[in-house]
Amino acid sequence: GDTDYAARRAGRLGDGYFPARDTPQERIDLARRTAEQCGRDPDALEITMPMPEDPDDIPNMKARGVDRLVVPVTAMAGMPTLIDSPEDALRFGEIIAKYADL
């Protein structure tokens, strides 16, 4: 969820947090702070976010603490379908290979 409540709940109870694409850094930090306040390892909270529109933003997302990106193959709440054909899948394979070592 993309609210402070959802971030705190993830930090308190979850193994991870999956906010919306444009989630501010403060909300990710809130989830990690809450985990720490609850006696949990904040670095163990895996952050998952939607694939950025510009793949060159992937290193910035890693620097923000994002652990995993989701590439939607069907339209999801506010996220366009990014893979419509085998060619699109191959293109994302190239993007994944480019950033695999981050």
Foldseek 3Di string as FASTA:
>chain_A
DQDLVQLLCCLQDNQEHEHEAPRDLVSLVSNLVSVVVNVHHSLSHAYEYECDPDLVCVVVVVVSVHDYYDQACPDDDVDHHQDDDVVSVVVVVVSCVVPVVD
